[in-house]
Structures are given as structure tokens and as C-alpha cells.
Amino acid sequence: MANPPPRPSPGAMPPADIGALLRQADAFWRAGRLVEAEQLCRRILGTQRKHPDASHLLGLVAHSAGHLDAAIRHIEDATAHPRAPAPWYANLAEMLRQRGRLQDAERAARKAIALDASYPGALNNLGIILQEVGKFAESRTMLER
């Protein structure tokens, strides 16, 4: 006799619903409707506290709203996930650079490049960070790549 499928935890949201909410939140963010985007991300995180895509998007929303420290926290939550892609680390690197945390920014940019050596955003971000810390030769190499 086969076991019945596991029951979702109370308040859990089916993956299809999460995907739809993420797409809508992304559309709101791109349209500058930051309050609506934030609400949808928080709705997802209310049911799946560690949802990396919702955390990343919430970080982008916070950054767009001028809340740099909150943006960094959300992007750091997203990049803690083992499947975090290069663009997330590149975004984190740029936000950390803006905050003046250049060593952390350099580490995040290098992680992005380790994940995708040809990702232009990571190469550009690392080039700018290296310029700011006075590593001009390496900066030029990254920017030329």
C-alpha cells in the first residue's frame, strides 16, 4: 500500500502560487510599484521564511526604495542559499560597494565570477571595486573582459 503524499504545512503555499506571486512582484518592481512588490515578497516569506528568490527580489525592492542596509540583508539571505546564482552575488557586491564595505564587496564579486566567469555584471562590478581599492591593473583586466 502506497503512502499518501505529504500534507503541506499549515499556511504553506504551493510552488505554482509562489511562482505566480514572484512574477507579479517582479512586474511591480520593474514598474516602480515598490509597495506592492514588497507586499508580495513578504507574503511569500510569510509562508516560506527562507525563500531565496523572494529574499533576492525583496532586496532589489529595498534598494530601489533607498533602503541600502535592508537591501544588503535581504540579498545576503538570498545568497546563503546553495543555488544562489552569479547575478545575486553581483548585486550584493554592488550594494556592499555603495555602503563602503569594499572587502566584502570584492568577495561577493569574486564569488559571482567563480559561479559564472563570463557574467558581465560581475566583471564590471569587480573592476569598479578594484579601482576603488587601488588595484588598477587588475581592475583594468576585469573591465576589459
C-alpha atoms as a PDB file:
ATOM      1  CA  MET A   1       0.000   0.000   0.000  1.00  0.00           C
ATOM      2  CA  ALA A   2       1.458   3.341  -1.054  1.00  0.00           C
ATOM      3  CA  ASN A   3       1.912   6.157   1.406  1.00  0.00           C
ATOM      4  CA  PRO A   4      -0.247   9.215   0.796  1.00  0.00           C
ATOM      5  CA  PRO A   5       1.578  12.335  -0.393  1.00  0.00           C
ATOM      6  CA  PRO A   6       2.837  14.558   2.406  1.00  0.00           C
ATOM      7  CA  ARG A   7       0.449  17.241   3.519  1.00  0.00           C
ATOM      8  CA  PRO A   8       1.709  20.796   3.186  1.00  0.00           C
ATOM      9  CA  SER A   9       2.385  22.562   6.440  1.00  0.00           C
ATOM     10  CA  PRO A  10      -0.310  24.973   7.604  1.00  0.00           C
ATOM     11  CA  GLY A  11      -0.003  28.247   5.743  1.00  0.00           C
ATOM     12  CA  ALA A  12       2.273  26.726   3.109  1.00  0.00           C
ATOM     13  CA  MET A  13       1.827  27.948  -0.413  1.00  0.00           C
ATOM     14  CA  PRO A  14       2.001  25.656  -3.455  1.00  0.00           C
ATOM     15  CA  PRO A  15       5.057  26.267  -5.686  1.00  0.00           C
ATOM     16  CA  ALA A  16       2.849  27.366  -8.596  1.00  0.00           C
ATOM     17  CA  ASP A  17       1.307  30.073  -6.408  1.00  0.00           C
ATOM     18  CA  ILE A  18       4.747  31.214  -5.271  1.00  0.00           C
ATOM     19  CA  GLY A  19       5.934  31.395  -8.868  1.00  0.00           C
ATOM     20  CA  ALA A  20       2.922  33.486  -9.853  1.00  0.00           C
ATOM     21  CA  LEU A  21       3.421  35.822  -6.891  1.00  0.00           C
ATOM     22  CA  LEU A  22       7.115  36.209  -7.719  1.00  0.00           C
ATOM     23  CA  ARG A  23       6.336  37.074 -11.332  1.00  0.00           C
ATOM     24  CA  GLN A  24       3.779  39.636 -10.205  1.00  0.00           C
ATOM     25  CA  ALA A  25       6.160  41.090  -7.608  1.00  0.00           C
ATOM     26  CA  ASP A  26       8.882  41.366 -10.249  1.00  0.00           C
ATOM     27  CA  ALA A  27       6.471  43.140 -12.598  1.00  0.00           C
ATOM     28  CA  PHE A  28       5.510  45.551  -9.823  1.00  0.00           C
ATOM     29  CA  TRP A  29       9.188  46.198  -9.013  1.00  0.00           C
ATOM     30  CA  ARG A  30      10.025  46.859 -12.671  1.00  0.00           C
ATOM     31  CA  ALA A  31       7.048  49.241 -12.902  1.00  0.00           C
ATOM     32  CA  GLY A  32       8.216  51.138  -9.822  1.00  0.00           C
ATOM     33  CA  ARG A  33       5.311  49.888  -7.726  1.00  0.00           C
ATOM     34  CA  LEU A  34       7.572  49.127  -4.791  1.00  0.00           C
ATOM     35  CA  VAL A  35       4.932  48.862  -2.066  1.00  0.00           C
ATOM     36  CA  GLU A  36       3.007  46.199  -3.979  1.00  0.00           C
ATOM     37  CA  ALA A  37       6.221  44.328  -4.848  1.00  0.00           C
ATOM     38  CA  GLU A  38       7.309  44.352  -1.210  1.00  0.00           C
ATOM     39  CA  GLN A  39       3.913  43.120  -0.026  1.00  0.00           C
ATOM     40  CA  LEU A  40       4.013  40.131  -2.375  1.00  0.00           C
ATOM     41  CA  CYS A  41       7.579  39.226  -1.395  1.00  0.00           C
ATOM     42  CA  ARG A  42       6.683  39.420   2.278  1.00  0.00           C
ATOM     43  CA  ARG A  43       3.610  37.285   1.648  1.00  0.00           C
ATOM     44  CA  ILE A  44       5.853  34.568   0.201  1.00  0.00           C
ATOM     45  CA  LEU A  45       8.366  34.916   3.024  1.00  0.00           C
ATOM     46  CA  GLY A  46       5.484  34.660   5.485  1.00  0.00           C
ATOM     47  CA  THR A  47       4.887  31.102   4.342  1.00  0.00           C
ATOM     48  CA  GLN A  48       8.469  30.147   3.404  1.00  0.00           C
ATOM     49  CA  ARG A  49      10.780  32.195   5.589  1.00  0.00           C
ATOM     50  CA  LYS A  50      13.943  31.291   3.662  1.00  0.00           C
ATOM     51  CA  HIS A  51      12.654  31.547   0.087  1.00  0.00           C
ATOM     52  CA  PRO A  52      15.765  32.753  -1.797  1.00  0.00           C
ATOM     53  CA  ASP A  53      14.003  34.225  -4.835  1.00  0.00           C
ATOM     54  CA  ALA A  54      11.645  36.259  -2.654  1.00  0.00           C
ATOM     55  CA  SER A  55      14.559  37.421  -0.475  1.00  0.00           C
ATOM     56  CA  HIS A  56      16.550  38.496  -3.535  1.00  0.00           C
ATOM     57  CA  LEU A  57      13.644  40.387  -5.053  1.00  0.00           C
ATOM     58  CA  LEU A  58      12.851  41.990  -1.698  1.00  0.00           C
ATOM     59  CA  GLY A  59      16.476  43.159  -1.611  1.00  0.00           C
ATOM     60  CA  LEU A  60      16.104  44.735  -5.045  1.00  0.00           C
ATOM     61  CA  VAL A  61      12.885  46.415  -3.925  1.00  0.00           C
ATOM     62  CA  ALA A  62      14.550  47.756  -0.767  1.00  0.00           C
ATOM     63  CA  HIS A  63      17.474  49.047  -2.836  1.00  0.00           C
ATOM     64  CA  SER A  64      15.106  50.774  -5.244  1.00  0.00           C
ATOM     65  CA  ALA A  65      13.389  52.401  -2.258  1.00  0.00           C
ATOM     66  CA  GLY A  66      16.724  53.699  -0.957  1.00  0.00           C
ATOM     67  CA  HIS A  67      16.989  51.274   1.967  1.00  0.00           C
ATOM     68  CA  LEU A  68      20.528  50.051   1.354  1.00  0.00           C
ATOM     69  CA  ASP A  69      21.122  48.258   4.656  1.00  0.00           C
ATOM     70  CA  ALA A  70      17.844  46.339   4.385  1.00  0.00           C
ATOM     71  CA  ALA A  71      18.639  45.539   0.751  1.00  0.00           C
ATOM     72  CA  ILE A  72      22.010  44.089   1.743  1.00  0.00           C
ATOM     73  CA  ARG A  73      20.421  41.950   4.478  1.00  0.00           C
ATOM     74  CA  HIS A  74      17.846  40.520   2.065  1.00  0.00           C
ATOM     75  CA  ILE A  75      20.408  39.812  -0.664  1.00  0.00           C
ATOM     76  CA  GLU A  76      22.703  38.185   1.915  1.00  0.00           C
ATOM     77  CA  ASP A  77      19.771  35.955   2.935  1.00  0.00           C
ATOM     78  CA  ALA A  78      19.262  35.026  -0.720  1.00  0.00           C
ATOM     79  CA  THR A  79      22.942  34.284  -1.364  1.00  0.00           C
ATOM     80  CA  ALA A  80      23.052  31.998   1.675  1.00  0.00           C
ATOM     81  CA  HIS A  81      21.104  29.505  -0.436  1.00  0.00           C
ATOM     82  CA  PRO A  82      23.340  26.907  -2.132  1.00  0.00           C
ATOM     83  CA  ARG A  83      21.807  27.562  -5.566  1.00  0.00           C
ATOM     84  CA  ALA A  84      22.309  31.326  -5.474  1.00  0.00           C
ATOM     85  CA  PRO A  85      23.366  32.388  -8.995  1.00  0.00           C
ATOM     86  CA  ALA A  86      26.086  34.798 -10.078  1.00  0.00           C
ATOM     87  CA  PRO A  87      23.762  37.799 -10.632  1.00  0.00           C
ATOM     88  CA  TRP A  88      22.682  37.700  -6.991  1.00  0.00           C
ATOM     89  CA  TYR A  89      26.301  37.906  -5.841  1.00  0.00           C
ATOM     90  CA  ALA A  90      26.951  40.674  -8.371  1.00  0.00           C
ATOM     91  CA  ASN A  91      24.000  42.618  -6.943  1.00  0.00           C
ATOM     92  CA  LEU A  92      25.302  42.060  -3.425  1.00  0.00           C
ATOM     93  CA  ALA A  93      28.766  43.222  -4.480  1.00  0.00           C
ATOM     94  CA  GLU A  94      27.414  46.486  -5.864  1.00  0.00           C
ATOM     95  CA  MET A  95      25.299  47.167  -2.792  1.00  0.00           C
ATOM     96  CA  LEU A  96      28.219  46.453  -0.476  1.00  0.00           C
ATOM     97  CA  ARG A  97      30.380  48.783  -2.594  1.00  0.00           C
ATOM     98  CA  GLN A  98      27.779  51.503  -2.246  1.00  0.00           C
ATOM     99  CA  ARG A  99      27.852  51.005   1.529  1.00  0.00           C
ATOM    100  CA  GLY A 100      31.671  51.300   1.503  1.00  0.00           C
ATOM    101  CA  ARG A 101      32.261  47.689   2.543  1.00  0.00           C
ATOM    102  CA  LEU A 102      34.843  47.180  -0.181  1.00  0.00           C
ATOM    103  CA  GLN A 103      36.441  43.954   1.102  1.00  0.00           C
ATOM    104  CA  ASP A 104      33.035  42.298   1.410  1.00  0.00           C
ATOM    105  CA  ALA A 105      32.079  43.699  -1.993  1.00  0.00           C
ATOM    106  CA  GLU A 106      35.214  42.255  -3.575  1.00  0.00           C
ATOM    107  CA  ARG A 107      34.495  38.823  -2.050  1.00  0.00           C
ATOM    108  CA  ALA A 108      30.919  38.874  -3.360  1.00  0.00           C
ATOM    109  CA  ALA A 109      32.047  39.928  -6.848  1.00  0.00           C
ATOM    110  CA  ARG A 110      34.702  37.210  -6.920  1.00  0.00           C
ATOM    111  CA  LYS A 111      32.075  34.648  -5.879  1.00  0.00           C
ATOM    112  CA  ALA A 112      29.866  35.822  -8.753  1.00  0.00           C
ATOM    113  CA  ILE A 113      32.771  35.354 -11.180  1.00  0.00           C
ATOM    114  CA  ALA A 114      33.566  31.934  -9.696  1.00  0.00           C
ATOM    115  CA  LEU A 115      29.992  30.924 -10.498  1.00  0.00           C
ATOM    116  CA  ASP A 116      29.994  32.470 -13.982  1.00  0.00           C
ATOM    117  CA  ALA A 117      33.351  33.690 -15.276  1.00  0.00           C
ATOM    118  CA  SER A 118      31.766  35.481 -18.223  1.00  0.00           C
ATOM    119  CA  TYR A 119      28.968  37.319 -16.392  1.00  0.00           C
ATOM    120  CA  PRO A 120      29.414  40.962 -17.475  1.00  0.00           C
ATOM    121  CA  GLY A 121      27.754  42.447 -14.393  1.00  0.00           C
ATOM    122  CA  ALA A 122      30.152  40.671 -12.052  1.00  0.00           C
ATOM    123  CA  LEU A 123      33.210  41.564 -14.138  1.00  0.00           C
ATOM    124  CA  ASN A 124      32.135  45.201 -14.266  1.00  0.00           C
ATOM    125  CA  ASN A 125      31.360  45.357 -10.553  1.00  0.00           C
ATOM    126  CA  LEU A 126      34.656  43.763  -9.615  1.00  0.00           C
ATOM    127  CA  GLY A 127      36.500  46.151 -11.926  1.00  0.00           C
ATOM    128  CA  ILE A 128      34.917  49.149 -10.212  1.00  0.00           C
ATOM    129  CA  ILE A 129      35.570  47.753  -6.732  1.00  0.00           C
ATOM    130  CA  LEU A 130      39.216  47.041  -7.575  1.00  0.00           C
ATOM    131  CA  GLN A 131      39.564  50.571  -8.902  1.00  0.00           C
ATOM    132  CA  GLU A 132      38.239  51.942  -5.621  1.00  0.00           C
ATOM    133  CA  VAL A 133      40.770  49.929  -3.590  1.00  0.00           C
ATOM    134  CA  GLY A 134      43.668  50.955  -5.821  1.00  0.00           C
ATOM    135  CA  LYS A 135      44.219  47.656  -7.655  1.00  0.00           C
ATOM    136  CA  PHE A 136      44.311  49.394 -11.019  1.00  0.00           C
ATOM    137  CA  ALA A 137      45.985  46.719 -13.166  1.00  0.00           C
ATOM    138  CA  GLU A 138      43.556  44.010 -12.058  1.00  0.00           C
ATOM    139  CA  SER A 139      40.662  46.468 -12.364  1.00  0.00           C
ATOM    140  CA  ARG A 140      41.570  47.149 -15.970  1.00  0.00           C
ATOM    141  CA  THR A 141      41.768  43.417 -16.713  1.00  0.00           C
ATOM    142  CA  MET A 142      38.280  42.852 -15.273  1.00  0.00           C
ATOM    143  CA  LEU A 143      36.796  45.817 -17.099  1.00  0.00           C
ATOM    144  CA  GLU A 144      38.340  44.744 -20.406  1.00  0.00           C
ATOM    145  CA  ARG A 145      36.947  41.226 -20.003  1.00  0.00           C
END
